[in-house]
Amino acid sequence: MDYPVSLEKTRQYGVRGIFATVGGIAALIVGNIIAAPIIGPVIGGILAVTGIYQFFRKKNEVQASAVVSLGVGALGIATLFAKHLVKGFASLAGVGLIGFGIYNIVQFVRALKSRS
């Protein structure tokens, strides 16, 4: 028997679906921008310095964005050595996030149907 899915779980599916899909699209865009010959290392350096600064501020709200900023900065700097590897990694991450987002959107629609 199909029991209705709780409101919390339904909301969780919807939020995950939207943010993962948008994050995947953003990863594809950022991967293509970072792979540019001059722009990638410059943006990577700026993001790495910003991430280090945010990381040492010791505020809990900023820790997650500091790690993300530092990671993207490291990828930007890594384009100096392995441009195609970085672009492939960003594309793989983008496609994976889009797939995860679509899965959660489908679960969200199923949860909404079970509640009606």
N, C-alpha and C. Protein backbone atom coordinates (compact mmCIF):
# COMPACT_ATOMS: atom_id res chain seq x y z
N MET A 1 0.84 -1.18 0.00
CA MET A 1 0.00 0.00 0.00
C MET A 1 0.89 1.24 0.00
N ASP A 2 0.51 2.24 -0.77
CA ASP A 2 1.26 3.49 -0.84
C ASP A 2 0.80 4.44 0.25
N TYR A 3 1.68 4.67 1.20
CA TYR A 3 1.37 5.62 2.25
C TYR A 3 1.83 7.00 1.82
N PRO A 4 1.14 8.04 2.28
CA PRO A 4 1.58 9.39 1.91
C PRO A 4 2.96 9.70 2.50
N VAL A 5 3.76 10.37 1.71
CA VAL A 5 5.10 10.77 2.14
C VAL A 5 4.95 12.01 3.01
N SER A 6 5.77 12.09 4.06
CA SER A 6 5.66 13.23 4.98
C SER A 6 5.99 14.54 4.27
N LEU A 7 5.48 15.61 4.85
CA LEU A 7 5.72 16.94 4.27
C LEU A 7 7.20 17.29 4.28
N GLU A 8 7.91 16.91 5.34
CA GLU A 8 9.35 17.19 5.42
C GLU A 8 10.11 16.48 4.31
N LYS A 9 9.79 15.22 4.09
CA LYS A 9 10.47 14.44 3.05
C LYS A 9 10.16 14.99 1.66
N THR A 10 8.90 15.40 1.45
CA THR A 10 8.52 15.98 0.17
C THR A 10 9.30 17.26 -0.08
N ARG A 11 9.38 18.10 0.92
CA ARG A 11 10.12 19.36 0.81
C ARG A 11 11.60 19.09 0.55
N GLN A 12 12.14 18.09 1.23
CA GLN A 12 13.55 17.74 1.07
C GLN A 12 13.84 17.31 -0.37
N TYR A 13 12.97 16.50 -0.94
CA TYR A 13 13.15 16.08 -2.34
C TYR A 13 13.12 17.28 -3.28
N GLY A 14 12.19 18.19 -3.06
CA GLY A 14 12.07 19.35 -3.93
C GLY A 14 13.29 20.26 -3.86
N VAL A 15 13.75 20.54 -2.66
CA VAL A 15 14.90 21.43 -2.49
C VAL A 15 16.15 20.78 -3.07
N ARG A 16 16.36 19.51 -2.77
CA ARG A 16 17.53 18.81 -3.32
C ARG A 16 17.49 18.79 -4.84
N GLY A 17 16.32 18.53 -5.39
CA GLY A 17 16.19 18.45 -6.84
C GLY A 17 16.53 19.75 -7.53
N ILE A 18 15.99 20.84 -7.02
CA ILE A 18 16.24 22.14 -7.65
C ILE A 18 17.70 22.54 -7.49
N PHE A 19 18.23 22.48 -6.27
CA PHE A 19 19.59 22.93 -6.04
C PHE A 19 20.63 22.06 -6.73
N ALA A 20 20.41 20.75 -6.78
CA ALA A 20 21.36 19.87 -7.46
C ALA A 20 21.36 20.12 -8.96
N THR A 21 20.19 20.33 -9.54
CA THR A 21 20.12 20.59 -10.98
C THR A 21 20.78 21.91 -11.32
N VAL A 22 20.48 22.95 -10.56
CA VAL A 22 21.09 24.26 -10.80
C VAL A 22 22.60 24.18 -10.55
N GLY A 23 23.02 23.47 -9.52
CA GLY A 23 24.43 23.30 -9.25
C GLY A 23 25.15 22.57 -10.36
N GLY A 24 24.51 21.58 -10.95
CA GLY A 24 25.10 20.85 -12.07
C GLY A 24 25.27 21.73 -13.30
N ILE A 25 24.27 22.54 -13.58
CA ILE A 25 24.37 23.47 -14.72
C ILE A 25 25.48 24.48 -14.45
N ALA A 26 25.56 24.98 -13.21
CA ALA A 26 26.62 25.93 -12.85
C ALA A 26 28.00 25.28 -12.96
N ALA A 27 28.12 24.01 -12.58
CA ALA A 27 29.40 23.31 -12.69
C ALA A 27 29.83 23.17 -14.15
N LEU A 28 28.88 22.92 -15.03
CA LEU A 28 29.22 22.84 -16.46
C LEU A 28 29.68 24.20 -16.98
N ILE A 29 29.01 25.27 -16.58
CA ILE A 29 29.38 26.61 -17.02
C ILE A 29 30.74 27.00 -16.47
N VAL A 30 30.93 26.80 -15.16
CA VAL A 30 32.21 27.16 -14.53
C VAL A 30 33.35 26.32 -15.10
N GLY A 31 33.11 25.06 -15.40
CA GLY A 31 34.13 24.22 -16.00
C GLY A 31 34.59 24.74 -17.34
N ASN A 32 33.66 25.25 -18.13
CA ASN A 32 34.04 25.82 -19.42
C ASN A 32 34.74 27.16 -19.28
N ILE A 33 34.35 27.96 -18.31
CA ILE A 33 35.00 29.25 -18.10
C ILE A 33 36.42 29.04 -17.57
N ILE A 34 36.58 28.14 -16.61
CA ILE A 34 37.89 27.92 -16.01
C ILE A 34 38.87 27.32 -17.01
N ALA A 35 38.38 26.61 -18.01
CA ALA A 35 39.28 25.98 -18.98
C ALA A 35 39.87 26.98 -19.96
N ALA A 36 39.45 28.24 -19.92
CA ALA A 36 40.03 29.26 -20.80
C ALA A 36 41.50 29.47 -20.42
N PRO A 37 42.36 29.74 -21.40
CA PRO A 37 43.80 29.78 -21.15
C PRO A 37 44.26 30.79 -20.09
N ILE A 38 43.82 32.00 -20.13
CA ILE A 38 44.30 33.01 -19.19
C ILE A 38 43.31 33.20 -18.04
N ILE A 39 42.04 33.09 -18.34
CA ILE A 39 41.01 33.37 -17.34
C ILE A 39 41.02 32.34 -16.21
N GLY A 40 41.24 31.08 -16.52
CA GLY A 40 41.20 30.02 -15.52
C GLY A 40 42.15 30.21 -14.36
N PRO A 41 43.45 30.37 -14.63
CA PRO A 41 44.38 30.56 -13.51
C PRO A 41 44.14 31.86 -12.73
N VAL A 42 43.72 32.92 -13.42
CA VAL A 42 43.46 34.19 -12.72
C VAL A 42 42.27 34.04 -11.78
N ILE A 43 41.17 33.50 -12.30
CA ILE A 43 39.99 33.29 -11.46
C ILE A 43 40.32 32.28 -10.35
N GLY A 44 41.10 31.25 -10.68
CA GLY A 44 41.48 30.26 -9.68
C GLY A 44 42.29 30.87 -8.55
N GLY A 45 43.22 31.74 -8.89
CA GLY A 45 44.02 32.39 -7.85
C GLY A 45 43.19 33.28 -6.96
N ILE A 46 42.29 34.04 -7.56
CA ILE A 46 41.41 34.93 -6.77
C ILE A 46 40.52 34.11 -5.85
N LEU A 47 39.94 33.04 -6.36
CA LEU A 47 39.06 32.20 -5.53
C LEU A 47 39.84 31.47 -4.44
N ALA A 48 41.05 31.07 -4.74
CA ALA A 48 41.86 30.38 -3.72
C ALA A 48 42.20 31.33 -2.58
N VAL A 49 42.59 32.55 -2.91
CA VAL A 49 42.91 33.54 -1.86
C VAL A 49 41.65 33.87 -1.05
N THR A 50 40.52 34.02 -1.74
CA THR A 50 39.26 34.29 -1.04
C THR A 50 38.89 33.13 -0.12
N GLY A 51 39.06 31.91 -0.59
CA GLY A 51 38.75 30.74 0.23
C GLY A 51 39.63 30.64 1.45
N ILE A 52 40.93 30.91 1.29
CA ILE A 52 41.84 30.88 2.43
C ILE A 52 41.45 31.95 3.45
N TYR A 53 41.13 33.14 2.97
CA TYR A 53 40.72 34.23 3.86
C TYR A 53 39.45 33.85 4.64
N GLN A 54 38.46 33.31 3.93
CA GLN A 54 37.22 32.92 4.58
C GLN A 54 37.44 31.77 5.56
N PHE A 55 38.33 30.86 5.22
CA PHE A 55 38.58 29.70 6.07
C PHE A 55 39.17 30.11 7.42
N PHE A 56 40.02 31.10 7.43
CA PHE A 56 40.66 31.53 8.68
C PHE A 56 39.83 32.52 9.48
N ARG A 57 38.68 32.91 8.99
CA ARG A 57 37.81 33.82 9.75
C ARG A 57 37.14 33.12 10.91
N LYS A 58 37.07 31.80 10.90
CA LYS A 58 36.54 30.98 11.99
C LYS A 58 35.05 31.19 12.26
N LYS A 59 34.30 31.54 11.24
CA LYS A 59 32.85 31.63 11.40
C LYS A 59 32.24 30.39 10.77
N ASN A 60 31.31 29.77 11.50
CA ASN A 60 30.72 28.51 11.04
C ASN A 60 29.92 28.68 9.75
N GLU A 61 29.27 29.83 9.59
CA GLU A 61 28.46 30.04 8.38
C GLU A 61 29.31 30.10 7.13
N VAL A 62 30.55 30.51 7.28
CA VAL A 62 31.41 30.77 6.15
C VAL A 62 32.26 29.54 5.79
N GLN A 63 32.34 28.56 6.65
CA GLN A 63 33.23 27.42 6.45
C GLN A 63 32.91 26.65 5.16
N ALA A 64 31.64 26.38 4.91
CA ALA A 64 31.28 25.61 3.71
C ALA A 64 31.61 26.38 2.44
N SER A 65 31.29 27.66 2.40
CA SER A 65 31.61 28.44 1.20
C SER A 65 33.11 28.60 1.04
N ALA A 66 33.86 28.62 2.15
CA ALA A 66 35.31 28.72 2.07
C ALA A 66 35.91 27.48 1.42
N VAL A 67 35.40 26.31 1.79
CA VAL A 67 35.91 25.07 1.21
C VAL A 67 35.57 24.99 -0.27
N VAL A 68 34.36 25.38 -0.64
CA VAL A 68 33.96 25.36 -2.04
C VAL A 68 34.81 26.35 -2.85
N SER A 69 34.98 27.54 -2.31
CA SER A 69 35.78 28.56 -2.99
C SER A 69 37.23 28.10 -3.15
N LEU A 70 37.77 27.50 -2.11
CA LEU A 70 39.14 27.00 -2.17
C LEU A 70 39.27 25.86 -3.18
N GLY A 71 38.28 24.99 -3.23
CA GLY A 71 38.30 23.88 -4.18
C GLY A 71 38.23 24.34 -5.63
N VAL A 72 37.34 25.28 -5.91
CA VAL A 72 37.23 25.80 -7.27
C VAL A 72 38.49 26.58 -7.63
N GLY A 73 39.04 27.30 -6.65
CA GLY A 73 40.29 28.01 -6.90
C GLY A 73 41.43 27.06 -7.23
N ALA A 74 41.50 25.94 -6.51
CA ALA A 74 42.54 24.95 -6.80
C ALA A 74 42.35 24.35 -8.19
N LEU A 75 41.10 24.14 -8.59
CA LEU A 75 40.85 23.64 -9.95
C LEU A 75 41.29 24.67 -10.99
N GLY A 76 41.02 25.95 -10.71
CA GLY A 76 41.43 27.01 -11.64
C GLY A 76 42.93 27.07 -11.78
N ILE A 77 43.64 26.94 -10.68
CA ILE A 77 45.10 26.96 -10.74
C ILE A 77 45.62 25.70 -11.43
N ALA A 78 44.93 24.59 -11.23
CA ALA A 78 45.36 23.32 -11.84
C ALA A 78 45.22 23.34 -13.36
N THR A 79 44.49 24.30 -13.92
CA THR A 79 44.38 24.38 -15.37
C THR A 79 45.72 24.73 -16.01
N LEU A 80 46.64 25.25 -15.23
CA LEU A 80 47.98 25.51 -15.76
C LEU A 80 48.67 24.21 -16.16
N PHE A 81 48.37 23.12 -15.44
CA PHE A 81 49.06 21.85 -15.65
C PHE A 81 48.21 20.83 -16.41
N ALA A 82 46.93 20.76 -16.09
CA ALA A 82 46.07 19.72 -16.65
C ALA A 82 44.71 20.30 -17.04
N LYS A 83 44.71 21.06 -18.11
CA LYS A 83 43.50 21.76 -18.53
C LYS A 83 42.36 20.80 -18.87
N HIS A 84 42.66 19.78 -19.64
CA HIS A 84 41.60 18.84 -20.07
C HIS A 84 41.09 17.99 -18.92
N LEU A 85 41.95 17.66 -17.98
CA LEU A 85 41.54 16.90 -16.81
C LEU A 85 40.56 17.70 -15.95
N VAL A 86 40.86 18.98 -15.77
CA VAL A 86 39.99 19.84 -14.97
C VAL A 86 38.64 20.02 -15.65
N LYS A 87 38.67 20.25 -16.96
CA LYS A 87 37.41 20.42 -17.69
C LYS A 87 36.58 19.13 -17.65
N GLY A 88 37.24 17.98 -17.78
CA GLY A 88 36.54 16.71 -17.71
C GLY A 88 35.96 16.45 -16.33
N PHE A 89 36.73 16.79 -15.28
CA PHE A 89 36.24 16.61 -13.91
C PHE A 89 35.03 17.50 -13.65
N ALA A 90 35.09 18.75 -14.09
CA ALA A 90 33.95 19.66 -13.89
C ALA A 90 32.74 19.18 -14.68
N SER A 91 32.94 18.67 -15.88
CA SER A 91 31.83 18.16 -16.68
C SER A 91 31.21 16.93 -16.03
N LEU A 92 32.05 16.04 -15.53
CA LEU A 92 31.56 14.84 -14.85
C LEU A 92 30.76 15.21 -13.60
N ALA A 93 31.27 16.16 -12.83
CA ALA A 93 30.56 16.61 -11.63
C ALA A 93 29.23 17.26 -12.01
N GLY A 94 29.22 18.05 -13.07
CA GLY A 94 27.99 18.70 -13.52
C GLY A 94 26.94 17.71 -13.95
N VAL A 95 27.34 16.73 -14.74
CA VAL A 95 26.39 15.71 -15.21
C VAL A 95 25.87 14.89 -14.03
N GLY A 96 26.75 14.56 -13.09
CA GLY A 96 26.33 13.81 -11.91
C GLY A 96 25.32 14.59 -11.07
N LEU A 97 25.58 15.88 -10.88
CA LEU A 97 24.64 16.70 -10.11
C LEU A 97 23.30 16.85 -10.82
N ILE A 98 23.33 16.99 -12.13
CA ILE A 98 22.07 17.09 -12.89
C ILE A 98 21.28 15.79 -12.76
N GLY A 99 21.96 14.65 -12.85
CA GLY A 99 21.28 13.36 -12.68
C GLY A 99 20.68 13.21 -11.30
N PHE A 100 21.43 13.60 -10.27
CA PHE A 100 20.93 13.54 -8.90
C PHE A 100 19.73 14.47 -8.73
N GLY A 101 19.79 15.64 -9.35
CA GLY A 101 18.67 16.58 -9.27
C GLY A 101 17.42 16.05 -9.95
N ILE A 102 17.58 15.45 -11.11
CA ILE A 102 16.42 14.89 -11.82
C ILE A 102 15.81 13.75 -11.00
N TYR A 103 16.65 12.90 -10.42
CA TYR A 103 16.15 11.82 -9.57
C TYR A 103 15.31 12.39 -8.41
N ASN A 104 15.80 13.43 -7.75
CA ASN A 104 15.07 14.02 -6.64
C ASN A 104 13.81 14.73 -7.09
N ILE A 105 13.82 15.32 -8.26
CA ILE A 105 12.60 15.95 -8.78
C ILE A 105 11.54 14.89 -9.05
N VAL A 106 11.94 13.75 -9.61
CA VAL A 106 11.00 12.64 -9.84
C VAL A 106 10.44 12.15 -8.50
N GLN A 107 11.30 12.01 -7.48
CA GLN A 107 10.83 11.60 -6.16
C GLN A 107 9.88 12.64 -5.57
N PHE A 108 10.16 13.91 -5.82
CA PHE A 108 9.28 14.99 -5.34
C PHE A 108 7.90 14.88 -5.96
N VAL A 109 7.85 14.64 -7.27
CA VAL A 109 6.55 14.50 -7.95
C VAL A 109 5.80 13.28 -7.43
N ARG A 110 6.50 12.18 -7.22
CA ARG A 110 5.86 10.98 -6.64
C ARG A 110 5.32 11.26 -5.24
N ALA A 111 6.11 11.98 -4.44
CA ALA A 111 5.67 12.31 -3.08
C ALA A 111 4.43 13.21 -3.11
N LEU A 112 4.40 14.16 -4.05
CA LEU A 112 3.22 15.02 -4.16
C LEU A 112 1.99 14.20 -4.55
N LYS A 113 2.17 13.26 -5.48
CA LYS A 113 1.04 12.41 -5.89
C LYS A 113 0.55 11.54 -4.74
N SER A 114 1.47 11.07 -3.90
CA SER A 114 1.05 10.22 -2.78
C SER A 114 0.30 11.01 -1.72
N ARG A 115 0.51 12.29 -1.68
CA ARG A 115 -0.16 13.13 -0.68
C ARG A 115 -1.55 13.57 -1.13
N SER A 116 -1.84 13.46 -2.41
CA SER A 116 -3.15 13.92 -2.89
C SER A 116 -4.21 12.83 -2.84
